[in-house]
C-alpha atoms as a PDB file:
ATOM      1  CA  MET A   1     154.818 177.426 115.770  1.00  0.00           C
ATOM      2  CA  GLN A   2     151.719 175.291 116.136  1.00  0.00           C
ATOM      3  CA  LEU A   3     152.027 171.565 115.350  1.00  0.00           C
ATOM      4  CA  GLU A   4     149.187 169.382 114.124  1.00  0.00           C
ATOM      5  CA  HIS A   5     147.963 166.510 116.329  1.00  0.00           C
ATOM      6  CA  ASN A   6     150.119 164.034 114.382  1.00  0.00           C
ATOM      7  CA  GLU A   7     153.310 166.148 114.227  1.00  0.00           C
ATOM      8  CA  TYR A   8     156.174 165.957 116.704  1.00  0.00           C
ATOM      9  CA  THR A   9     159.621 167.374 117.234  1.00  0.00           C
ATOM     10  CA  ILE A  10     162.240 164.636 117.492  1.00  0.00           C
ATOM     11  CA  LYS A  11     162.235 164.875 121.298  1.00  0.00           C
ATOM     12  CA  GLY A  12     158.426 164.892 121.314  1.00  0.00           C
ATOM     13  CA  PHE A  13     158.346 161.805 119.074  1.00  0.00           C
ATOM     14  CA  ILE A  14     160.747 159.977 121.402  1.00  0.00           C
ATOM     15  CA  THR A  15     158.433 160.858 124.311  1.00  0.00           C
ATOM     16  CA  TYR A  16     155.431 159.578 122.296  1.00  0.00           C
ATOM     17  CA  LEU A  17     157.202 156.260 121.604  1.00  0.00           C
ATOM     18  CA  GLU A  18     158.227 155.896 125.265  1.00  0.00           C
ATOM     19  CA  LYS A  19     154.687 156.548 126.509  1.00  0.00           C
ATOM     20  CA  LYS A  20     153.138 154.163 123.997  1.00  0.00           C
ATOM     21  CA  TYR A  21     155.718 151.323 124.009  1.00  0.00           C
ATOM     22  CA  GLY A  22     157.909 151.931 127.074  1.00  0.00           C
ATOM     23  CA  ALA A  23     161.202 150.969 125.452  1.00  0.00           C
ATOM     24  CA  LYS A  24     162.514 149.137 122.423  1.00  0.00           C
ATOM     25  CA  ILE A  25     162.172 145.350 122.483  1.00  0.00           C
ATOM     26  CA  THR A  26     165.857 145.236 123.427  1.00  0.00           C
ATOM     27  CA  GLY A  27     164.965 147.080 126.641  1.00  0.00           C
ATOM     28  CA  LYS A  28     166.974 150.142 125.621  1.00  0.00           C
ATOM     29  CA  PRO A  29     165.288 153.556 125.498  1.00  0.00           C
ATOM     30  CA  PHE A  30     164.351 155.152 122.185  1.00  0.00           C
ATOM     31  CA  ASN A  31     166.790 157.803 120.943  1.00  0.00           C
ATOM     32  CA  SER A  32     167.181 160.311 118.121  1.00  0.00           C
ATOM     33  CA  SER A  33     169.142 157.801 116.002  1.00  0.00           C
ATOM     34  CA  ASP A  34     166.127 155.479 116.064  1.00  0.00           C
ATOM     35  CA  VAL A  35     163.854 158.292 114.909  1.00  0.00           C
ATOM     36  CA  CYS A  36     166.238 159.204 112.069  1.00  0.00           C
ATOM     37  CA  GLN A  37     166.350 155.566 110.921  1.00  0.00           C
ATOM     38  CA  TYR A  38     162.552 155.312 110.991  1.00  0.00           C
ATOM     39  CA  GLU A  39     162.321 158.531 108.973  1.00  0.00           C
ATOM     40  CA  MET A  40     164.823 157.286 106.361  1.00  0.00           C
ATOM     41  CA  ARG A  41     162.875 154.019 106.097  1.00  0.00           C
ATOM     42  CA  GLY A  42     159.598 155.936 105.813  1.00  0.00           C
ATOM     43  CA  TYR A  43     157.698 153.949 108.405  1.00  0.00           C
ATOM     44  CA  LEU A  44     157.897 152.686 111.968  1.00  0.00           C
ATOM     45  CA  PRO A  45     158.836 149.053 112.544  1.00  0.00           C
ATOM     46  CA  PHE A  46     155.831 146.727 112.498  1.00  0.00           C
ATOM     47  CA  ARG A  47     156.168 146.012 116.235  1.00  0.00           C
ATOM     48  CA  TYR A  48     155.735 149.761 116.912  1.00  0.00           C
ATOM     49  CA  GLY A  49     152.611 150.149 114.796  1.00  0.00           C
ATOM     50  CA  GLY A  50     154.035 150.219 111.266  1.00  0.00           C
ATOM     51  CA  ASN A  51     152.755 153.759 110.683  1.00  0.00           C
ATOM     52  CA  LYS A  52     154.166 155.783 107.810  1.00  0.00           C
ATOM     53  CA  ILE A  53     156.267 158.729 108.923  1.00  0.00           C
ATOM     54  CA  ILE A  54     157.456 161.778 107.047  1.00  0.00           C
ATOM     55  CA  GLY A  55     160.202 164.122 108.163  1.00  0.00           C
ATOM     56  CA  LYS A  56     160.079 167.783 107.253  1.00  0.00           C
ATOM     57  CA  THR A  57     161.742 170.996 108.370  1.00  0.00           C
ATOM     58  CA  ILE A  58     159.655 173.972 109.480  1.00  0.00           C
ATOM     59  CA  GLN A  59     161.444 177.191 110.448  1.00  0.00           C
ATOM     60  CA  GLY A  60     164.683 175.233 110.832  1.00  0.00           C
ATOM     61  CA  ILE A  61     163.166 172.649 113.195  1.00  0.00           C
ATOM     62  CA  LYS A  62     162.911 168.981 112.226  1.00  0.00           C
ATOM     63  CA  ILE A  63     159.315 167.768 112.444  1.00  0.00           C
ATOM     64  CA  ILE A  64     158.144 164.158 112.272  1.00  0.00           C
ATOM     65  CA  ALA A  65     154.625 163.649 110.901  1.00  0.00           C
ATOM     66  CA  LEU A  66     153.014 160.346 111.850  1.00  0.00           C
ATOM     67  CA  SER A  67     150.484 159.031 109.329  1.00  0.00           C
ATOM     68  CA  GLU A  68     147.342 157.201 110.359  1.00  0.00           C
ATOM     69  CA  GLY A  69     147.957 154.639 107.616  1.00  0.00           C
ATOM     70  CA  ILE A  70     149.927 151.504 108.344  1.00  0.00           C
ATOM     71  CA  MET A  71     152.706 150.452 106.017  1.00  0.00           C
ATOM     72  CA  LYS A  72     151.793 147.111 104.481  1.00  0.00           C
ATOM     73  CA  LEU A  73     154.560 144.547 104.749  1.00  0.00           C
ATOM     74  CA  ASN A  74     154.824 141.628 102.424  1.00  0.00           C
ATOM     75  CA  LYS A  75     154.143 138.257 104.018  1.00  0.00           C
ATOM     76  CA  LYS A  76     157.802 137.182 104.075  1.00  0.00           C
ATOM     77  CA  LYS A  77     158.900 140.341 105.891  1.00  0.00           C
ATOM     78  CA  ARG A  78     156.003 140.093 108.371  1.00  0.00           C
ATOM     79  CA  ASN A  79     156.976 136.493 109.184  1.00  0.00           C
ATOM     80  CA  ASN A  80     160.591 137.538 109.781  1.00  0.00           C
ATOM     81  CA  VAL A  81     159.449 140.229 112.226  1.00  0.00           C
ATOM     82  CA  SER A  82     157.272 137.695 114.051  1.00  0.00           C
ATOM     83  CA  LYS A  83     160.159 135.205 114.300  1.00  0.00           C
ATOM     84  CA  LYS A  84     162.493 137.883 115.667  1.00  0.00           C
ATOM     85  CA  ASN A  85     159.966 138.842 118.344  1.00  0.00           C
ATOM     86  CA  THR A  86     159.572 135.257 119.553  1.00  0.00           C
ATOM     87  CA  ASN A  87     163.336 134.732 119.899  1.00  0.00           C
ATOM     88  CA  LEU A  88     163.645 137.247 122.748  1.00  0.00           C
END
């Protein structure tokens, strides 16, 4: 099975996040639960790029497709994210 440049298995997506961001802002490593939450939400958290993500199954394997577009957050939500980041 050949994946597109923006498609990842769950393990591959965790590796992508670790290479790009190191770890979560809590210092803990990314895990499959994080990826499942991002997929259910439909986008990555703003602090990790805010990209839209879509989960799909191909030949019984879960694939995460990362969109080039960034999910637009309303101003109130964006301010809450900024406040949370400064409290660490």
